[in-house]
């Protein structure tokens, strides 16, 4: 069994994979901008990182976001 496989889960414990869509479950202020990601915002085509608690993504308003999985649920 390979030890370098990282299992990334959303706030409900559902496994996430590259290309999945997620929904924000809490209003999040984006550091360095005046943008707030509202609850219910759909984020498409996520990318997994080397950290099992973070994903990379692009939203309509902000490109190059890194979000914690505890604030997301699988769409």
PDB file of N, CA and C in Angstrom:
ATOM      1  N   UNK A   1       0.836  -1.188   0.000  1.00  0.00           N
ATOM      2  CA  UNK A   1       0.000   0.000   0.000  1.00  0.00           C
ATOM      3  C   UNK A   1       0.876   1.245   0.000  1.00  0.00           C
ATOM      4  N   UNK A   2       0.522   2.215  -0.791  1.00  0.00           N
ATOM      5  CA  UNK A   2       1.309   3.433  -0.920  1.00  0.00           C
ATOM      6  C   UNK A   2       0.978   4.397   0.212  1.00  0.00           C
ATOM      7  N   UNK A   3       2.012   4.968   0.835  1.00  0.00           N
ATOM      8  CA  UNK A   3       1.811   5.900   1.939  1.00  0.00           C
ATOM      9  C   UNK A   3       1.650   7.334   1.467  1.00  0.00           C
ATOM     10  N   UNK A   4       1.919   7.624   0.175  1.00  0.00           N
ATOM     11  CA  UNK A   4       1.859   8.997  -0.298  1.00  0.00           C
ATOM     12  C   UNK A   4       0.481   9.397  -0.822  1.00  0.00           C
ATOM     13  N   UNK A   5      -0.525   8.517  -0.675  1.00  0.00           N
ATOM     14  CA  UNK A   5      -1.881   8.849  -1.080  1.00  0.00           C
ATOM     15  C   UNK A   5      -2.538   9.651   0.041  1.00  0.00           C
ATOM     16  N   UNK A   6      -3.035  10.844  -0.306  1.00  0.00           N
ATOM     17  CA  UNK A   6      -3.669  11.716   0.682  1.00  0.00           C
ATOM     18  C   UNK A   6      -5.176  11.661   0.472  1.00  0.00           C
ATOM     19  N   UNK A   7      -5.906  11.362   1.536  1.00  0.00           N
ATOM     20  CA  UNK A   7      -7.365  11.328   1.476  1.00  0.00           C
ATOM     21  C   UNK A   7      -7.892  12.661   1.989  1.00  0.00           C
ATOM     22  N   UNK A   8      -8.529  13.417   1.104  1.00  0.00           N
ATOM     23  CA  UNK A   8      -9.069  14.730   1.451  1.00  0.00           C
ATOM     24  C   UNK A   8     -10.572  14.585   1.612  1.00  0.00           C
ATOM     25  N   UNK A   9     -11.103  15.081   2.743  1.00  0.00           N
ATOM     26  CA  UNK A   9     -12.531  14.970   3.026  1.00  0.00           C
ATOM     27  C   UNK A   9     -13.119  16.345   3.270  1.00  0.00           C
ATOM     28  N   UNK A  10     -14.411  16.500   2.913  1.00  0.00           N
ATOM     29  CA  UNK A  10     -15.106  17.760   3.175  1.00  0.00           C
ATOM     30  C   UNK A  10     -15.597  17.793   4.617  1.00  0.00           C
ATOM     31  N   UNK A  11     -16.391  18.798   4.964  1.00  0.00           N
ATOM     32  CA  UNK A  11     -16.864  18.955   6.346  1.00  0.00           C
ATOM     33  C   UNK A  11     -17.783  17.820   6.783  1.00  0.00           C
ATOM     34  N   UNK A  12     -18.415  17.125   5.837  1.00  0.00           N
ATOM     35  CA  UNK A  12     -19.303  16.006   6.166  1.00  0.00           C
ATOM     36  C   UNK A  12     -18.611  14.652   6.095  1.00  0.00           C
ATOM     37  N   UNK A  13     -17.324  14.633   5.757  1.00  0.00           N
ATOM     38  CA  UNK A  13     -16.584  13.386   5.676  1.00  0.00           C
ATOM     39  C   UNK A  13     -16.612  12.721   4.313  1.00  0.00           C
ATOM     40  N   UNK A  14     -17.158  13.408   3.300  1.00  0.00           N
ATOM     41  CA  UNK A  14     -17.181  12.856   1.948  1.00  0.00           C
ATOM     42  C   UNK A  14     -15.822  13.063   1.289  1.00  0.00           C
ATOM     43  N   UNK A  15     -15.298  12.054   0.600  1.00  0.00           N
ATOM     44  CA  UNK A  15     -13.993  12.211  -0.052  1.00  0.00           C
ATOM     45  C   UNK A  15     -14.066  13.173  -1.237  1.00  0.00           C
ATOM     46  N   UNK A  16     -13.028  13.983  -1.399  1.00  0.00           N
ATOM     47  CA  UNK A  16     -12.926  14.929  -2.502  1.00  0.00           C
ATOM     48  C   UNK A  16     -11.827  14.489  -3.456  1.00  0.00           C
ATOM     49  N   UNK A  17     -12.001  14.811  -4.741  1.00  0.00           N
ATOM     50  CA  UNK A  17     -11.011  14.475  -5.761  1.00  0.00           C
ATOM     51  C   UNK A  17     -10.801  15.687  -6.659  1.00  0.00           C
ATOM     52  N   UNK A  18      -9.698  15.681  -7.417  1.00  0.00           N
ATOM     53  CA  UNK A  18      -9.447  16.752  -8.384  1.00  0.00           C
ATOM     54  C   UNK A  18     -10.625  16.881  -9.332  1.00  0.00           C
ATOM     55  N   UNK A  19     -11.047  18.115  -9.585  1.00  0.00           N
ATOM     56  CA  UNK A  19     -12.136  18.361 -10.521  1.00  0.00           C
ATOM     57  C   UNK A  19     -13.516  18.373  -9.905  1.00  0.00           C
ATOM     58  N   UNK A  20     -13.644  18.036  -8.624  1.00  0.00           N
ATOM     59  CA  UNK A  20     -14.951  18.058  -7.952  1.00  0.00           C
ATOM     60  C   UNK A  20     -15.446  19.495  -7.801  1.00  0.00           C
ATOM     61  N   UNK A  21     -16.740  19.615  -7.535  1.00  0.00           N
ATOM     62  CA  UNK A  21     -17.346  20.903  -7.194  1.00  0.00           C
ATOM     63  C   UNK A  21     -17.715  20.883  -5.719  1.00  0.00           C
ATOM     64  N   UNK A  22     -17.527  22.031  -5.059  1.00  0.00           N
ATOM     65  CA  UNK A  22     -17.843  22.138  -3.637  1.00  0.00           C
ATOM     66  C   UNK A  22     -18.678  23.395  -3.400  1.00  0.00           C
ATOM     67  N   UNK A  23     -19.365  23.429  -2.249  1.00  0.00           N
ATOM     68  CA  UNK A  23     -20.182  24.565  -1.847  1.00  0.00           C
ATOM     69  C   UNK A  23     -19.633  25.095  -0.530  1.00  0.00           C
ATOM     70  N   UNK A  24     -19.521  26.422  -0.421  1.00  0.00           N
ATOM     71  CA  UNK A  24     -19.054  27.066   0.808  1.00  0.00           C
ATOM     72  C   UNK A  24     -20.191  27.023   1.827  1.00  0.00           C
ATOM     73  N   UNK A  25     -19.907  26.580   3.070  1.00  0.00           N
ATOM     74  CA  UNK A  25     -20.955  26.435   4.084  1.00  0.00           C
ATOM     75  C   UNK A  25     -20.982  27.585   5.093  1.00  0.00           C
ATOM     76  N   UNK A  26     -20.061  28.560   4.953  1.00  0.00           N
ATOM     77  CA  UNK A  26     -19.986  29.683   5.881  1.00  0.00           C
ATOM     78  C   UNK A  26     -19.427  30.874   5.124  1.00  0.00           C
ATOM     79  N   UNK A  27     -19.920  32.085   5.413  1.00  0.00           N
ATOM     80  CA  UNK A  27     -19.353  33.281   4.785  1.00  0.00           C
ATOM     81  C   UNK A  27     -17.873  33.375   5.146  1.00  0.00           C
ATOM     82  N   UNK A  28     -17.026  33.542   4.120  1.00  0.00           N
ATOM     83  CA  UNK A  28     -15.584  33.601   4.334  1.00  0.00           C
ATOM     84  C   UNK A  28     -15.032  34.889   3.755  1.00  0.00           C
ATOM     85  N   UNK A  29     -14.299  35.644   4.572  1.00  0.00           N
ATOM     86  CA  UNK A  29     -13.600  36.819   4.072  1.00  0.00           C
ATOM     87  C   UNK A  29     -12.297  36.341   3.446  1.00  0.00           C
ATOM     88  N   UNK A  30     -11.981  36.878   2.270  1.00  0.00           N
ATOM     89  CA  UNK A  30     -10.757  36.498   1.574  1.00  0.00           C
ATOM     90  C   UNK A  30      -9.672  37.486   1.967  1.00  0.00           C
ATOM     91  N   UNK A  31      -8.587  36.973   2.559  1.00  0.00           N
ATOM     92  CA  UNK A  31      -7.493  37.830   3.006  1.00  0.00           C
ATOM     93  C   UNK A  31      -6.868  38.554   1.824  1.00  0.00           C
ATOM     94  N   UNK A  32      -6.536  39.825   2.027  1.00  0.00           N
ATOM     95  CA  UNK A  32      -5.880  40.610   1.002  1.00  0.00           C
ATOM     96  C   UNK A  32      -6.828  41.223  -0.019  1.00  0.00           C
ATOM     97  N   UNK A  33      -8.130  40.974   0.124  1.00  0.00           N
ATOM     98  CA  UNK A  33      -9.110  41.568  -0.786  1.00  0.00           C
ATOM     99  C   UNK A  33     -10.297  42.060   0.034  1.00  0.00           C
ATOM    100  N   UNK A  34     -11.222  42.734  -0.633  1.00  0.00           N
ATOM    101  CA  UNK A  34     -12.446  43.168   0.035  1.00  0.00           C
ATOM    102  C   UNK A  34     -13.598  42.208  -0.272  1.00  0.00           C
ATOM    103  N   UNK A  35     -13.267  41.044  -0.834  1.00  0.00           N
ATOM    104  CA  UNK A  35     -14.276  40.072  -1.269  1.00  0.00           C
ATOM    105  C   UNK A  35     -14.659  39.158  -0.112  1.00  0.00           C
ATOM    106  N   UNK A  36     -15.954  38.844  -0.014  1.00  0.00           N
ATOM    107  CA  UNK A  36     -16.447  37.834   0.920  1.00  0.00           C
ATOM    108  C   UNK A  36     -17.120  36.743   0.113  1.00  0.00           C
ATOM    109  N   UNK A  37     -16.695  35.505   0.294  1.00  0.00           N
ATOM    110  CA  UNK A  37     -17.365  34.363  -0.340  1.00  0.00           C
ATOM    111  C   UNK A  37     -18.587  34.042   0.497  1.00  0.00           C
ATOM    112  N   UNK A  38     -19.762  34.190  -0.070  1.00  0.00           N
ATOM    113  CA  UNK A  38     -21.009  33.971   0.660  1.00  0.00           C
ATOM    114  C   UNK A  38     -21.313  32.487   0.803  1.00  0.00           C
ATOM    115  N   UNK A  39     -22.051  32.151   1.851  1.00  0.00           N
ATOM    116  CA  UNK A  39     -22.497  30.782   2.070  1.00  0.00           C
ATOM    117  C   UNK A  39     -23.329  30.345   0.865  1.00  0.00           C
ATOM    118  N   UNK A  40     -23.074  29.143   0.374  1.00  0.00           N
ATOM    119  CA  UNK A  40     -23.806  28.628  -0.769  1.00  0.00           C
ATOM    120  C   UNK A  40     -23.104  28.851  -2.098  1.00  0.00           C
ATOM    121  N   UNK A  41     -21.955  29.534  -2.084  1.00  0.00           N
ATOM    122  CA  UNK A  41     -21.203  29.769  -3.315  1.00  0.00           C
ATOM    123  C   UNK A  41     -20.666  28.446  -3.856  1.00  0.00           C
ATOM    124  N   UNK A  42     -20.916  28.183  -5.130  1.00  0.00           N
ATOM    125  CA  UNK A  42     -20.435  26.967  -5.770  1.00  0.00           C
ATOM    126  C   UNK A  42     -19.053  27.216  -6.348  1.00  0.00           C
ATOM    127  N   UNK A  43     -18.122  26.340  -6.001  1.00  0.00           N
ATOM    128  CA  UNK A  43     -16.763  26.417  -6.526  1.00  0.00           C
ATOM    129  C   UNK A  43     -16.531  25.155  -7.342  1.00  0.00           C
ATOM    130  N   UNK A  44     -16.220  25.326  -8.620  1.00  0.00           N
ATOM    131  CA  UNK A  44     -16.045  24.190  -9.526  1.00  0.00           C
ATOM    132  C   UNK A  44     -14.581  23.901  -9.759  1.00  0.00           C
ATOM    133  N   UNK A  45     -14.309  22.660 -10.129  1.00  0.00           N
ATOM    134  CA  UNK A  45     -12.989  22.229 -10.588  1.00  0.00           C
ATOM    135  C   UNK A  45     -11.890  22.509  -9.568  1.00  0.00           C
ATOM    136  N   UNK A  46     -12.015  21.924  -8.380  1.00  0.00           N
ATOM    137  CA  UNK A  46     -11.009  22.108  -7.337  1.00  0.00           C
ATOM    138  C   UNK A  46      -9.769  21.283  -7.651  1.00  0.00           C
ATOM    139  N   UNK A  47      -8.656  21.660  -7.020  1.00  0.00           N
ATOM    140  CA  UNK A  47      -7.404  20.916  -7.139  1.00  0.00           C
ATOM    141  C   UNK A  47      -6.924  20.573  -5.735  1.00  0.00           C
ATOM    142  N   UNK A  48      -6.534  19.332  -5.527  1.00  0.00           N
ATOM    143  CA  UNK A  48      -6.030  18.908  -4.224  1.00  0.00           C
ATOM    144  C   UNK A  48      -4.596  19.389  -4.053  1.00  0.00           C
ATOM    145  N   UNK A  49      -4.204  19.630  -2.802  1.00  0.00           N
ATOM    146  CA  UNK A  49      -2.842  20.049  -2.486  1.00  0.00           C
ATOM    147  C   UNK A  49      -2.162  18.940  -1.706  1.00  0.00           C
ATOM    148  N   UNK A  50      -0.939  19.189  -1.287  1.00  0.00           N
ATOM    149  CA  UNK A  50      -0.223  18.206  -0.481  1.00  0.00           C
ATOM    150  C   UNK A  50      -0.740  18.161   0.952  1.00  0.00           C
ATOM    151  N   UNK A  51      -1.532  19.152   1.348  1.00  0.00           N
ATOM    152  CA  UNK A  51      -2.145  19.212   2.679  1.00  0.00           C
ATOM    153  C   UNK A  51      -3.564  18.649   2.593  1.00  0.00           C
ATOM    154  N   UNK A  52      -3.899  17.687   3.466  1.00  0.00           N
ATOM    155  CA  UNK A  52      -5.219  17.054   3.404  1.00  0.00           C
ATOM    156  C   UNK A  52      -6.339  17.937   3.950  1.00  0.00           C
ATOM    157  N   UNK A  53      -6.030  19.131   4.461  1.00  0.00           N
ATOM    158  CA  UNK A  53      -7.056  20.039   4.968  1.00  0.00           C
ATOM    159  C   UNK A  53      -7.235  21.274   4.091  1.00  0.00           C
ATOM    160  N   UNK A  54      -6.588  21.307   2.917  1.00  0.00           N
ATOM    161  CA  UNK A  54      -6.686  22.468   2.035  1.00  0.00           C
ATOM    162  C   UNK A  54      -6.883  22.033   0.590  1.00  0.00           C
ATOM    163  N   UNK A  55      -7.595  22.892  -0.182  1.00  0.00           N
ATOM    164  CA  UNK A  55      -7.736  22.699  -1.624  1.00  0.00           C
ATOM    165  C   UNK A  55      -7.423  24.023  -2.317  1.00  0.00           C
ATOM    166  N   UNK A  56      -7.040  23.937  -3.583  1.00  0.00           N
ATOM    167  CA  UNK A  56      -6.843  25.129  -4.394  1.00  0.00           C
ATOM    168  C   UNK A  56      -8.019  25.240  -5.352  1.00  0.00           C
ATOM    169  N   UNK A  57      -8.421  26.490  -5.652  1.00  0.00           N
ATOM    170  CA  UNK A  57      -9.549  26.678  -6.551  1.00  0.00           C
ATOM    171  C   UNK A  57      -9.570  28.107  -7.066  1.00  0.00           C
ATOM    172  N   UNK A  58     -10.470  28.347  -8.006  1.00  0.00           N
ATOM    173  CA  UNK A  58     -10.755  29.680  -8.516  1.00  0.00           C
ATOM    174  C   UNK A  58     -12.241  29.921  -8.342  1.00  0.00           C
ATOM    175  N   UNK A  59     -12.603  31.101  -7.852  1.00  0.00           N
ATOM    176  CA  UNK A  59     -14.011  31.477  -7.793  1.00  0.00           C
ATOM    177  C   UNK A  59     -14.257  32.521  -8.874  1.00  0.00           C
ATOM    178  N   UNK A  60     -15.494  32.949  -9.009  1.00  0.00           N
ATOM    179  CA  UNK A  60     -15.814  33.964 -10.009  1.00  0.00           C
ATOM    180  C   UNK A  60     -15.087  35.277  -9.719  1.00  0.00           C
ATOM    181  N   UNK A  61     -14.925  35.600  -8.452  1.00  0.00           N
ATOM    182  CA  UNK A  61     -14.366  36.891  -8.062  1.00  0.00           C
ATOM    183  C   UNK A  61     -12.865  36.851  -7.816  1.00  0.00           C
ATOM    184  N   UNK A  62     -12.340  35.719  -7.313  1.00  0.00           N
ATOM    185  CA  UNK A  62     -10.944  35.637  -6.907  1.00  0.00           C
ATOM    186  C   UNK A  62     -10.307  34.403  -7.544  1.00  0.00           C
ATOM    187  N   UNK A  63      -9.130  34.593  -8.116  1.00  0.00           N
ATOM    188  CA  UNK A  63      -8.392  33.480  -8.707  1.00  0.00           C
ATOM    189  C   UNK A  63      -7.279  33.046  -7.757  1.00  0.00           C
ATOM    190  N   UNK A  64      -6.961  31.759  -7.758  1.00  0.00           N
ATOM    191  CA  UNK A  64      -5.860  31.256  -6.952  1.00  0.00           C
ATOM    192  C   UNK A  64      -6.158  31.176  -5.471  1.00  0.00           C
ATOM    193  N   UNK A  65      -7.370  30.776  -5.107  1.00  0.00           N
ATOM    194  CA  UNK A  65      -7.742  30.647  -3.695  1.00  0.00           C
ATOM    195  C   UNK A  65      -7.233  29.335  -3.108  1.00  0.00           C
ATOM    196  N   UNK A  66      -6.902  29.363  -1.839  1.00  0.00           N
ATOM    197  CA  UNK A  66      -6.647  28.150  -1.066  1.00  0.00           C
ATOM    198  C   UNK A  66      -7.656  28.153   0.073  1.00  0.00           C
ATOM    199  N   UNK A  67      -8.513  27.124   0.112  1.00  0.00           N
ATOM    200  CA  UNK A  67      -9.574  27.061   1.114  1.00  0.00           C
ATOM    201  C   UNK A  67      -9.411  25.843   2.010  1.00  0.00           C
ATOM    202  N   UNK A  68      -9.799  26.003   3.269  1.00  0.00           N
ATOM    203  CA  UNK A  68      -9.819  24.889   4.214  1.00  0.00           C
ATOM    204  C   UNK A  68     -11.028  24.009   3.927  1.00  0.00           C
ATOM    205  N   UNK A  69     -10.855  22.706   3.994  1.00  0.00           N
ATOM    206  CA  UNK A  69     -11.947  21.781   3.690  1.00  0.00           C
ATOM    207  C   UNK A  69     -13.024  21.795   4.753  1.00  0.00           C
ATOM    208  N   UNK A  70     -12.750  22.286   5.958  1.00  0.00           N
ATOM    209  CA  UNK A  70     -13.760  22.321   7.014  1.00  0.00           C
ATOM    210  C   UNK A  70     -14.875  23.325   6.707  1.00  0.00           C
ATOM    211  N   UNK A  71     -14.673  24.211   5.718  1.00  0.00           N
ATOM    212  CA  UNK A  71     -15.696  25.186   5.338  1.00  0.00           C
ATOM    213  C   UNK A  71     -16.384  24.813   4.030  1.00  0.00           C
ATOM    214  N   UNK A  72     -16.184  23.589   3.560  1.00  0.00           N
ATOM    215  CA  UNK A  72     -16.723  23.159   2.266  1.00  0.00           C
ATOM    216  C   UNK A  72     -17.510  21.884   2.390  1.00  0.00           C
ATOM    217  N   UNK A  73     -18.496  21.706   1.485  1.00  0.00           N
ATOM    218  CA  UNK A  73     -19.159  20.421   1.367  1.00  0.00           C
ATOM    219  C   UNK A  73     -19.251  20.078  -0.112  1.00  0.00           C
ATOM    220  N   UNK A  74     -19.206  18.809  -0.411  1.00  0.00           N
ATOM    221  CA  UNK A  74     -19.232  18.345  -1.794  1.00  0.00           C
ATOM    222  C   UNK A  74     -20.584  18.680  -2.415  1.00  0.00           C
ATOM    223  N   UNK A  75     -20.557  19.190  -3.652  1.00  0.00           N
ATOM    224  CA  UNK A  75     -21.797  19.572  -4.342  1.00  0.00           C
ATOM    225  C   UNK A  75     -22.420  18.357  -5.021  1.00  0.00           C
TER     226      UNK A  75
END
